[in-house]
Amino acid sequence: MNADGQPPATRPTLCAMAQRTDPGEASDAPRALVVEDDPGIAYSLVQGLRRAGYEAQAVETGHEALAAVPPPDVVLLDLGLPDVDGVEVCRRLRRQSGAAIIVVTARGEERDRVGALDEGADDYLVKPFGLAELLARIRAVLRRSRPSKPELLRYGPLTVDPRTRRATVNGLEAPLTPKEFDILHCLITDPGRVVSRQEILERVWDPHWYGPTKILDVHIAALRRKLGTPGLVETVYGRGFRLGRIG
């Protein structure tokens, strides 16, 4: 499907389409993530969404979708992905995120619809489809899923606002860099869980990170210093990091 009705003369790679505005820049535009391994379809969807006022990017694998930072408001999810079945991606996304999920796929069988909806999809759209219908469905699921006010994440003295990308400790703002904020967001979304070093590197830096891990230690040290609360970010040796017990 092409949102313009015609294929573009040249299509950028999915890597190029994934480029976003600086993570530190606040934006009121809803964030849309297209999970589609066909570059032509991904290009059409991203361009159509951007023209409609969404902050849109595309990834081509399930692992990239699960590692997306910051988290999207709506996910357009193809089921035929090269690494993980789309229904499994849907299940994991629903477990870790409050994003609205619309399955966009060529699979039109009832069992596929039922499976995706049972695993947490909010809507199901079979290809081919028109951009106007897709945008209407996005508006509908966002009305149902988005809270009237942005949800704040709280843990002890710590408050994190994912929308404004600000963190406060006892009401005082911590001057975090984008990377430091993303690390903190990884930890506070499930504060009782130990998040492995590799998971943080993949979610904050690159889904296919194979480089040295010392860069994470530098950012963790800076994050602890800026939060100013001993024990708030806890090292679990041999496993990773978590938010520690306070008080």
C-alpha atoms as a PDB file:
ATOM      1  CA  MET A   1       0.000   0.000   0.000  1.00  0.00           C
ATOM      2  CA  ASN A   2       1.254   3.491  -0.833  1.00  0.00           C
ATOM      3  CA  ALA A   3      -0.268   6.391   1.095  1.00  0.00           C
ATOM      4  CA  ASP A   4      -0.023   8.584  -2.040  1.00  0.00           C
ATOM      5  CA  GLY A   5      -1.348   5.972  -4.420  1.00  0.00           C
ATOM      6  CA  GLN A   6       2.002   5.921  -6.247  1.00  0.00           C
ATOM      7  CA  PRO A   7       5.366   4.387  -5.311  1.00  0.00           C
ATOM      8  CA  PRO A   8       8.064   6.923  -4.452  1.00  0.00           C
ATOM      9  CA  ALA A   9      10.916   7.358  -6.884  1.00  0.00           C
ATOM     10  CA  THR A  10      13.485   6.573  -4.212  1.00  0.00           C
ATOM     11  CA  ARG A  11      12.907   5.089  -0.826  1.00  0.00           C
ATOM     12  CA  PRO A  12      15.171   5.572   2.157  1.00  0.00           C
ATOM     13  CA  THR A  13      16.276   2.613   4.202  1.00  0.00           C
ATOM     14  CA  LEU A  14      14.433   1.710   7.370  1.00  0.00           C
ATOM     15  CA  CYS A  15      17.491   2.915   9.264  1.00  0.00           C
ATOM     16  CA  ALA A  16      17.068   6.376   7.738  1.00  0.00           C
ATOM     17  CA  MET A  17      13.344   6.380   8.463  1.00  0.00           C
ATOM     18  CA  ALA A  18      14.071   5.595  12.101  1.00  0.00           C
ATOM     19  CA  GLN A  19      15.815   8.941  12.611  1.00  0.00           C
ATOM     20  CA  ARG A  20      13.929  11.110  15.071  1.00  0.00           C
ATOM     21  CA  THR A  21      14.154  14.496  16.622  1.00  0.00           C
ATOM     22  CA  ASP A  22      16.584  14.819  19.514  1.00  0.00           C
ATOM     23  CA  PRO A  23      15.250  12.749  22.446  1.00  0.00           C
ATOM     24  CA  GLY A  24      15.700  15.737  24.694  1.00  0.00           C
ATOM     25  CA  GLU A  25      13.252  17.801  22.675  1.00  0.00           C
ATOM     26  CA  ALA A  26       9.736  17.708  24.088  1.00  0.00           C
ATOM     27  CA  SER A  27       6.962  17.221  21.572  1.00  0.00           C
ATOM     28  CA  ASP A  28       3.189  17.140  21.957  1.00  0.00           C
ATOM     29  CA  ALA A  29       2.784  15.113  18.759  1.00  0.00           C
ATOM     30  CA  PRO A  30       1.711  11.495  19.327  1.00  0.00           C
ATOM     31  CA  ARG A  31       4.554   9.066  18.674  1.00  0.00           C
ATOM     32  CA  ALA A  32       3.854   6.298  16.151  1.00  0.00           C
ATOM     33  CA  LEU A  33       6.064   3.270  15.597  1.00  0.00           C
ATOM     34  CA  VAL A  34       5.713   1.309  12.350  1.00  0.00           C
ATOM     35  CA  VAL A  35       6.931  -2.283  12.687  1.00  0.00           C
ATOM     36  CA  GLU A  36       7.190  -3.483   9.089  1.00  0.00           C
ATOM     37  CA  ASP A  37       9.940  -5.325   7.210  1.00  0.00           C
ATOM     38  CA  ASP A  38       8.806  -4.171   3.752  1.00  0.00           C
ATOM     39  CA  PRO A  39      10.606  -0.835   3.110  1.00  0.00           C
ATOM     40  CA  GLY A  40       8.017   0.357   0.589  1.00  0.00           C
ATOM     41  CA  ILE A  41       5.078  -0.153   2.922  1.00  0.00           C
ATOM     42  CA  ALA A  42       7.017   1.283   5.857  1.00  0.00           C
ATOM     43  CA  TYR A  43       7.942   4.371   3.832  1.00  0.00           C
ATOM     44  CA  SER A  44       4.333   5.014   2.813  1.00  0.00           C
ATOM     45  CA  LEU A  45       3.045   4.629   6.353  1.00  0.00           C
ATOM     46  CA  VAL A  46       5.714   6.829   7.925  1.00  0.00           C
ATOM     47  CA  GLN A  47       5.228   9.611   5.378  1.00  0.00           C
ATOM     48  CA  GLY A  48       1.445   9.482   5.726  1.00  0.00           C
ATOM     49  CA  LEU A  49       1.670   9.607   9.502  1.00  0.00           C
ATOM     50  CA  ARG A  50       4.103  12.524   9.474  1.00  0.00           C
ATOM     51  CA  ARG A  51       1.853  14.501   7.143  1.00  0.00           C
ATOM     52  CA  ALA A  52      -1.002  13.837   9.563  1.00  0.00           C
ATOM     53  CA  GLY A  53       1.006  15.350  12.429  1.00  0.00           C
ATOM     54  CA  TYR A  54       2.464  12.268  14.077  1.00  0.00           C
ATOM     55  CA  GLU A  55       6.082  11.796  15.112  1.00  0.00           C
ATOM     56  CA  ALA A  56       6.689   8.576  13.191  1.00  0.00           C
ATOM     57  CA  GLN A  57       9.555   6.149  12.744  1.00  0.00           C
ATOM     58  CA  ALA A  58       9.906   2.641  11.324  1.00  0.00           C
ATOM     59  CA  VAL A  59      11.733  -0.485  12.430  1.00  0.00           C
ATOM     60  CA  GLU A  60      11.815  -3.825  10.661  1.00  0.00           C
ATOM     61  CA  THR A  61      12.170  -6.406  13.433  1.00  0.00           C
ATOM     62  CA  GLY A  62      10.339  -7.385  16.568  1.00  0.00           C
ATOM     63  CA  HIS A  63      13.424  -6.922  18.731  1.00  0.00           C
ATOM     64  CA  GLU A  64      13.802  -3.329  17.527  1.00  0.00           C
ATOM     65  CA  ALA A  65      10.144  -2.670  18.323  1.00  0.00           C
ATOM     66  CA  LEU A  66      10.516  -4.018  21.853  1.00  0.00           C
ATOM     67  CA  ALA A  67      13.613  -1.860  22.429  1.00  0.00           C
ATOM     68  CA  ALA A  68      12.115   1.404  21.132  1.00  0.00           C
ATOM     69  CA  VAL A  69      12.981   4.406  23.326  1.00  0.00           C
ATOM     70  CA  PRO A  70      11.138   6.550  24.146  1.00  0.00           C
ATOM     71  CA  PRO A  71       8.057   4.320  24.076  1.00  0.00           C
ATOM     72  CA  PRO A  72       5.516   5.110  21.329  1.00  0.00           C
ATOM     73  CA  ASP A  73       1.889   6.073  21.818  1.00  0.00           C
ATOM     74  CA  VAL A  74       0.688   3.810  19.024  1.00  0.00           C
ATOM     75  CA  VAL A  75       2.295   0.820  17.302  1.00  0.00           C
ATOM     76  CA  LEU A  76       1.383  -0.307  13.777  1.00  0.00           C
ATOM     77  CA  LEU A  77       2.449  -3.938  13.852  1.00  0.00           C
ATOM     78  CA  ASP A  78       2.866  -6.318  10.928  1.00  0.00           C
ATOM     79  CA  LEU A  79       2.651  -9.982  11.905  1.00  0.00           C
ATOM     80  CA  GLY A  80       5.124 -11.338   9.342  1.00  0.00           C
ATOM     81  CA  LEU A  81       8.397 -10.162  10.866  1.00  0.00           C
ATOM     82  CA  PRO A  82      11.796 -11.715  10.092  1.00  0.00           C
ATOM     83  CA  ASP A  83      12.876 -12.479  13.665  1.00  0.00           C
ATOM     84  CA  VAL A  84       9.885 -12.882  15.993  1.00  0.00           C
ATOM     85  CA  ASP A  85       6.289 -13.695  15.105  1.00  0.00           C
ATOM     86  CA  GLY A  86       4.161 -10.567  15.295  1.00  0.00           C
ATOM     87  CA  VAL A  87       1.664 -12.098  17.716  1.00  0.00           C
ATOM     88  CA  GLU A  88       4.498 -12.755  20.175  1.00  0.00           C
ATOM     89  CA  VAL A  89       5.718  -9.172  19.717  1.00  0.00           C
ATOM     90  CA  CYS A  90       2.173  -7.986  20.422  1.00  0.00           C
ATOM     91  CA  ARG A  91       2.077  -9.997  23.634  1.00  0.00           C
ATOM     92  CA  ARG A  92       5.415  -8.606  24.839  1.00  0.00           C
ATOM     93  CA  LEU A  93       4.523  -5.034  23.912  1.00  0.00           C
ATOM     94  CA  ARG A  94       1.279  -5.254  25.837  1.00  0.00           C
ATOM     95  CA  ARG A  95       3.122  -6.603  28.878  1.00  0.00           C
ATOM     96  CA  GLN A  96       5.742  -3.830  28.906  1.00  0.00           C
ATOM     97  CA  SER A  97       3.890  -0.838  27.466  1.00  0.00           C
ATOM     98  CA  GLY A  98       0.631   1.060  27.521  1.00  0.00           C
ATOM     99  CA  ALA A  99       0.908   1.885  23.822  1.00  0.00           C
ATOM    100  CA  ALA A 100      -2.097   1.346  21.588  1.00  0.00           C
ATOM    101  CA  ILE A 101      -1.429  -1.533  19.177  1.00  0.00           C
ATOM    102  CA  ILE A 102      -2.978  -1.808  15.726  1.00  0.00           C
ATOM    103  CA  VAL A 103      -2.097  -4.926  13.765  1.00  0.00           C
ATOM    104  CA  VAL A 104      -1.675  -4.124  10.054  1.00  0.00           C
ATOM    105  CA  THR A 105      -1.165  -7.325   8.123  1.00  0.00           C
ATOM    106  CA  ALA A 106      -2.041  -9.381   5.082  1.00  0.00           C
ATOM    107  CA  ARG A 107      -3.255 -12.184   7.354  1.00  0.00           C
ATOM    108  CA  GLY A 108      -7.028 -12.022   7.286  1.00  0.00           C
ATOM    109  CA  GLU A 109      -8.005 -15.374   8.776  1.00  0.00           C
ATOM    110  CA  GLU A 110     -10.228 -15.362  11.834  1.00  0.00           C
ATOM    111  CA  ARG A 111      -7.711 -17.305  13.926  1.00  0.00           C
ATOM    112  CA  ASP A 112      -5.068 -14.638  13.236  1.00  0.00           C
ATOM    113  CA  ARG A 113      -7.446 -11.846  14.262  1.00  0.00           C
ATOM    114  CA  VAL A 114      -8.517 -13.664  17.409  1.00  0.00           C
ATOM    115  CA  GLY A 115      -4.933 -14.540  18.348  1.00  0.00           C
ATOM    116  CA  ALA A 116      -3.682 -10.963  18.009  1.00  0.00           C
ATOM    117  CA  LEU A 117      -6.662  -9.438  19.825  1.00  0.00           C
ATOM    118  CA  ASP A 118      -6.361 -11.966  22.647  1.00  0.00           C
ATOM    119  CA  GLU A 119      -2.673 -11.071  23.037  1.00  0.00           C
ATOM    120  CA  GLY A 120      -3.435  -7.378  23.503  1.00  0.00           C
ATOM    121  CA  ALA A 121      -3.978  -5.750  20.104  1.00  0.00           C
ATOM    122  CA  ASP A 122      -6.466  -2.869  20.213  1.00  0.00           C
ATOM    123  CA  ASP A 123      -7.448  -3.138  16.547  1.00  0.00           C
ATOM    124  CA  TYR A 124      -6.761  -5.264  13.476  1.00  0.00           C
ATOM    125  CA  LEU A 125      -6.548  -3.967   9.912  1.00  0.00           C
ATOM    126  CA  VAL A 126      -6.042  -6.198   6.870  1.00  0.00           C
ATOM    127  CA  LYS A 127      -3.926  -5.010   3.923  1.00  0.00           C
ATOM    128  CA  PRO A 128      -4.593  -3.348   1.575  1.00  0.00           C
ATOM    129  CA  PHE A 129      -6.255  -0.416   3.304  1.00  0.00           C
ATOM    130  CA  GLY A 130      -6.609   3.330   2.851  1.00  0.00           C
ATOM    131  CA  LEU A 131      -4.660   5.909   4.819  1.00  0.00           C
ATOM    132  CA  ALA A 132      -7.843   7.734   5.854  1.00  0.00           C
ATOM    133  CA  GLU A 133      -9.230   4.583   7.472  1.00  0.00           C
ATOM    134  CA  LEU A 134      -5.935   3.896   9.228  1.00  0.00           C
ATOM    135  CA  LEU A 135      -5.777   7.431  10.647  1.00  0.00           C
ATOM    136  CA  ALA A 136      -9.373   7.151  11.862  1.00  0.00           C
ATOM    137  CA  ARG A 137      -8.563   3.891  13.635  1.00  0.00           C
ATOM    138  CA  ILE A 138      -5.466   5.444  15.225  1.00  0.00           C
ATOM    139  CA  ARG A 139      -7.523   8.361  16.531  1.00  0.00           C
ATOM    140  CA  ALA A 140     -10.072   5.931  17.947  1.00  0.00           C
ATOM    141  CA  VAL A 141      -7.564   3.745  19.808  1.00  0.00           C
ATOM    142  CA  LEU A 142      -5.707   6.782  21.153  1.00  0.00           C
ATOM    143  CA  ARG A 143      -8.957   8.205  22.518  1.00  0.00           C
ATOM    144  CA  ARG A 144      -9.510   4.950  24.375  1.00  0.00           C
ATOM    145  CA  SER A 145      -5.945   4.358  25.538  1.00  0.00           C
ATOM    146  CA  ARG A 146      -4.418   7.739  26.318  1.00  0.00           C
ATOM    147  CA  PRO A 147      -5.078   9.126  29.796  1.00  0.00           C
ATOM    148  CA  SER A 148      -6.441  12.639  30.096  1.00  0.00           C
ATOM    149  CA  LYS A 149      -3.175  13.656  31.742  1.00  0.00           C
ATOM    150  CA  PRO A 150       0.298  12.202  31.177  1.00  0.00           C
ATOM    151  CA  GLU A 151       1.030   9.394  33.618  1.00  0.00           C
ATOM    152  CA  LEU A 152       3.818  10.097  36.063  1.00  0.00           C
ATOM    153  CA  LEU A 153       6.073   7.267  37.223  1.00  0.00           C
ATOM    154  CA  ARG A 154       6.850   7.385  40.943  1.00  0.00           C
ATOM    155  CA  TYR A 155       9.186   5.389  43.152  1.00  0.00           C
ATOM    156  CA  GLY A 156       9.956   6.628  46.645  1.00  0.00           C
ATOM    157  CA  PRO A 157      11.264  10.204  46.355  1.00  0.00           C
ATOM    158  CA  LEU A 158      11.677   9.835  42.585  1.00  0.00           C
ATOM    159  CA  THR A 159       9.148  11.093  40.013  1.00  0.00           C
ATOM    160  CA  VAL A 160       9.663  10.622  36.274  1.00  0.00           C
ATOM    161  CA  ASP A 161       7.542  12.324  33.608  1.00  0.00           C
ATOM    162  CA  PRO A 162       7.972  10.442  30.293  1.00  0.00           C
ATOM    163  CA  ARG A 163       6.233  13.202  28.313  1.00  0.00           C
ATOM    164  CA  THR A 164       8.423  16.088  29.367  1.00  0.00           C
ATOM    165  CA  ARG A 165      11.430  13.805  29.982  1.00  0.00           C
ATOM    166  CA  ARG A 166      12.008  15.319  33.406  1.00  0.00           C
ATOM    167  CA  ALA A 167      12.936  13.592  36.642  1.00  0.00           C
ATOM    168  CA  THR A 168      12.639  15.015  40.142  1.00  0.00           C
ATOM    169  CA  VAL A 169      13.855  13.786  43.530  1.00  0.00           C
ATOM    170  CA  ASN A 170      11.900  15.159  46.496  1.00  0.00           C
ATOM    171  CA  GLY A 171      10.495  17.780  44.135  1.00  0.00           C
ATOM    172  CA  LEU A 172      13.876  18.989  42.879  1.00  0.00           C
ATOM    173  CA  GLU A 173      14.645  18.443  39.195  1.00  0.00           C
ATOM    174  CA  ALA A 174      17.679  16.342  38.317  1.00  0.00           C
ATOM    175  CA  PRO A 175      19.509  17.773  35.258  1.00  0.00           C
ATOM    176  CA  LEU A 176      19.734  14.519  33.302  1.00  0.00           C
ATOM    177  CA  THR A 177      21.125  14.095  29.813  1.00  0.00           C
ATOM    178  CA  PRO A 178      18.942  12.224  27.274  1.00  0.00           C
ATOM    179  CA  LYS A 179      20.897   8.992  27.800  1.00  0.00           C
ATOM    180  CA  GLU A 180      20.712   9.272  31.589  1.00  0.00           C
ATOM    181  CA  PHE A 181      16.969   9.839  31.391  1.00  0.00           C
ATOM    182  CA  ASP A 182      16.505   6.823  29.116  1.00  0.00           C
ATOM    183  CA  ILE A 183      18.458   4.618  31.542  1.00  0.00           C
ATOM    184  CA  LEU A 184      16.323   5.835  34.429  1.00  0.00           C
ATOM    185  CA  HIS A 185      13.162   5.231  32.405  1.00  0.00           C
ATOM    186  CA  CYS A 186      14.281   1.631  31.787  1.00  0.00           C
ATOM    187  CA  LEU A 187      14.603   1.107  35.532  1.00  0.00           C
ATOM    188  CA  ILE A 188      11.470   2.858  36.789  1.00  0.00           C
ATOM    189  CA  THR A 189       9.033   1.208  34.368  1.00  0.00           C
ATOM    190  CA  ASP A 190       9.475  -2.011  36.376  1.00  0.00           C
ATOM    191  CA  PRO A 191      11.306  -0.963  39.554  1.00  0.00           C
ATOM    192  CA  GLY A 192      11.408  -4.382  41.178  1.00  0.00           C
ATOM    193  CA  ARG A 193      13.048  -6.055  38.207  1.00  0.00           C
ATOM    194  CA  VAL A 194      16.782  -6.344  37.597  1.00  0.00           C
ATOM    195  CA  VAL A 195      17.481  -4.914  34.141  1.00  0.00           C
ATOM    196  CA  SER A 196      20.529  -6.498  32.539  1.00  0.00           C
ATOM    197  CA  ARG A 197      23.391  -4.429  31.182  1.00  0.00           C
ATOM    198  CA  GLN A 198      22.749  -5.783  27.693  1.00  0.00           C
ATOM    199  CA  GLU A 199      19.059  -4.865  27.795  1.00  0.00           C
ATOM    200  CA  ILE A 200      19.859  -1.297  28.827  1.00  0.00           C
ATOM    201  CA  LEU A 201      22.491  -0.978  26.092  1.00  0.00           C
ATOM    202  CA  GLU A 202      20.082  -2.302  23.470  1.00  0.00           C
ATOM    203  CA  ARG A 203      17.179  -0.104  24.592  1.00  0.00           C
ATOM    204  CA  VAL A 204      19.148   3.104  25.145  1.00  0.00           C
ATOM    205  CA  TRP A 205      21.960   2.871  22.587  1.00  0.00           C
ATOM    206  CA  ASP A 206      21.351   0.335  19.832  1.00  0.00           C
ATOM    207  CA  PRO A 207      19.182  -2.794  19.404  1.00  0.00           C
ATOM    208  CA  HIS A 208      22.259  -4.605  18.066  1.00  0.00           C
ATOM    209  CA  TRP A 209      24.838  -3.346  20.582  1.00  0.00           C
ATOM    210  CA  TYR A 210      28.018  -5.404  20.604  1.00  0.00           C
ATOM    211  CA  GLY A 211      30.472  -2.790  21.852  1.00  0.00           C
ATOM    212  CA  PRO A 212      32.128  -2.310  25.256  1.00  0.00           C
ATOM    213  CA  THR A 213      29.857  -1.918  28.272  1.00  0.00           C
ATOM    214  CA  LYS A 214      32.029   0.591  30.161  1.00  0.00           C
ATOM    215  CA  ILE A 215      30.034   3.405  28.569  1.00  0.00           C
ATOM    216  CA  LEU A 216      27.071   2.271  30.669  1.00  0.00           C
ATOM    217  CA  ASP A 217      29.113   2.443  33.886  1.00  0.00           C
ATOM    218  CA  VAL A 218      30.026   6.060  33.130  1.00  0.00           C
ATOM    219  CA  HIS A 219      26.370   7.029  32.635  1.00  0.00           C
ATOM    220  CA  ILE A 220      25.200   5.075  35.697  1.00  0.00           C
ATOM    221  CA  ALA A 221      27.776   6.901  37.839  1.00  0.00           C
ATOM    222  CA  ALA A 222      26.601  10.270  36.506  1.00  0.00           C
ATOM    223  CA  LEU A 223      22.949   9.301  37.020  1.00  0.00           C
ATOM    224  CA  ARG A 224      23.581   8.349  40.646  1.00  0.00           C
ATOM    225  CA  ARG A 225      25.447  11.583  41.279  1.00  0.00           C
ATOM    226  CA  LYS A 226      22.661  13.728  39.821  1.00  0.00           C
ATOM    227  CA  LEU A 227      19.873  11.890  41.641  1.00  0.00           C
ATOM    228  CA  GLY A 228      21.789  12.441  44.877  1.00  0.00           C
ATOM    229  CA  THR A 229      20.080   9.629  46.799  1.00  0.00           C
ATOM    230  CA  PRO A 230      22.396   6.806  47.914  1.00  0.00           C
ATOM    231  CA  GLY A 231      21.074   3.379  47.010  1.00  0.00           C
ATOM    232  CA  LEU A 232      18.415   4.620  44.607  1.00  0.00           C
ATOM    233  CA  VAL A 233      20.136   3.006  41.617  1.00  0.00           C
ATOM    234  CA  GLU A 234      21.380  -0.360  42.814  1.00  0.00           C
ATOM    235  CA  THR A 235      23.932  -2.666  41.196  1.00  0.00           C
ATOM    236  CA  VAL A 236      23.055  -6.363  41.266  1.00  0.00           C
ATOM    237  CA  TYR A 237      26.449  -7.887  40.600  1.00  0.00           C
ATOM    238  CA  GLY A 238      26.595 -10.264  37.684  1.00  0.00           C
ATOM    239  CA  ARG A 239      23.037  -9.396  36.634  1.00  0.00           C
ATOM    240  CA  GLY A 240      22.467  -5.675  36.071  1.00  0.00           C
ATOM    241  CA  PHE A 241      20.742  -2.745  37.770  1.00  0.00           C
ATOM    242  CA  ARG A 242      17.467  -1.930  39.499  1.00  0.00           C
ATOM    243  CA  LEU A 243      15.947   0.757  41.652  1.00  0.00           C
ATOM    244  CA  GLY A 244      16.930  -0.010  45.231  1.00  0.00           C
ATOM    245  CA  ARG A 245      14.781  -0.068  48.343  1.00  0.00           C
ATOM    246  CA  ILE A 246      14.580   3.361  49.924  1.00  0.00           C
ATOM    247  CA  GLY A 247      13.701   3.956  53.552  1.00  0.00           C
END
